[in-house]
Amino acid sequence: MSRPNDVGGAQGFGALAGALPPDPPIVAAYGPDGRSAWGADWQARVWALIAVLGMNGVCSASELRDAEERADPGEFLASSYYERVVGGMERLLEERGLLNDTADAGGTDDARDSDGTGGADGTGGTADRTGDT
């Protein structure tokens, strides 16, 4: 079964516009003009998440790409690169039991430690953010 990224020989995508110049390598988060190397701040955070997942052995680049390519074909073709990466991350983390509806909802009582503080030192928990001690 082919995946939506495998369009070799597929018809209906129109004529090729010619060779595109290669993208310059990203060597810093900000260029000499002070502008971000990413189109939006959230894209930089996605890039950081890719690095963190890889450095902590959660997944390899190949596993992440496989998860991205298993997207619904319509969703895959309509998404930007970073949207596909986020979808792949969600798919992979859900499959591995590392992401669930509670974590996705962001900060419910279920996320607190047994002492109800949200952290061993009492900082950063839901109660600390919302004031509902």
Foldseek 3Di string as FASTA:
>chain_A
DDFLVPCVPPDDPDDDPDDDDDDDDDPDQADPVRDGPDPDPVLVVLVVVLVVCVVVVVDDPVQLVVLLRPDDNVPNVVDDPSVSSVSSVVSSCVVVVNDDPVVVVPADQVCADPVSQNDPVSPDHSCNVPVPD
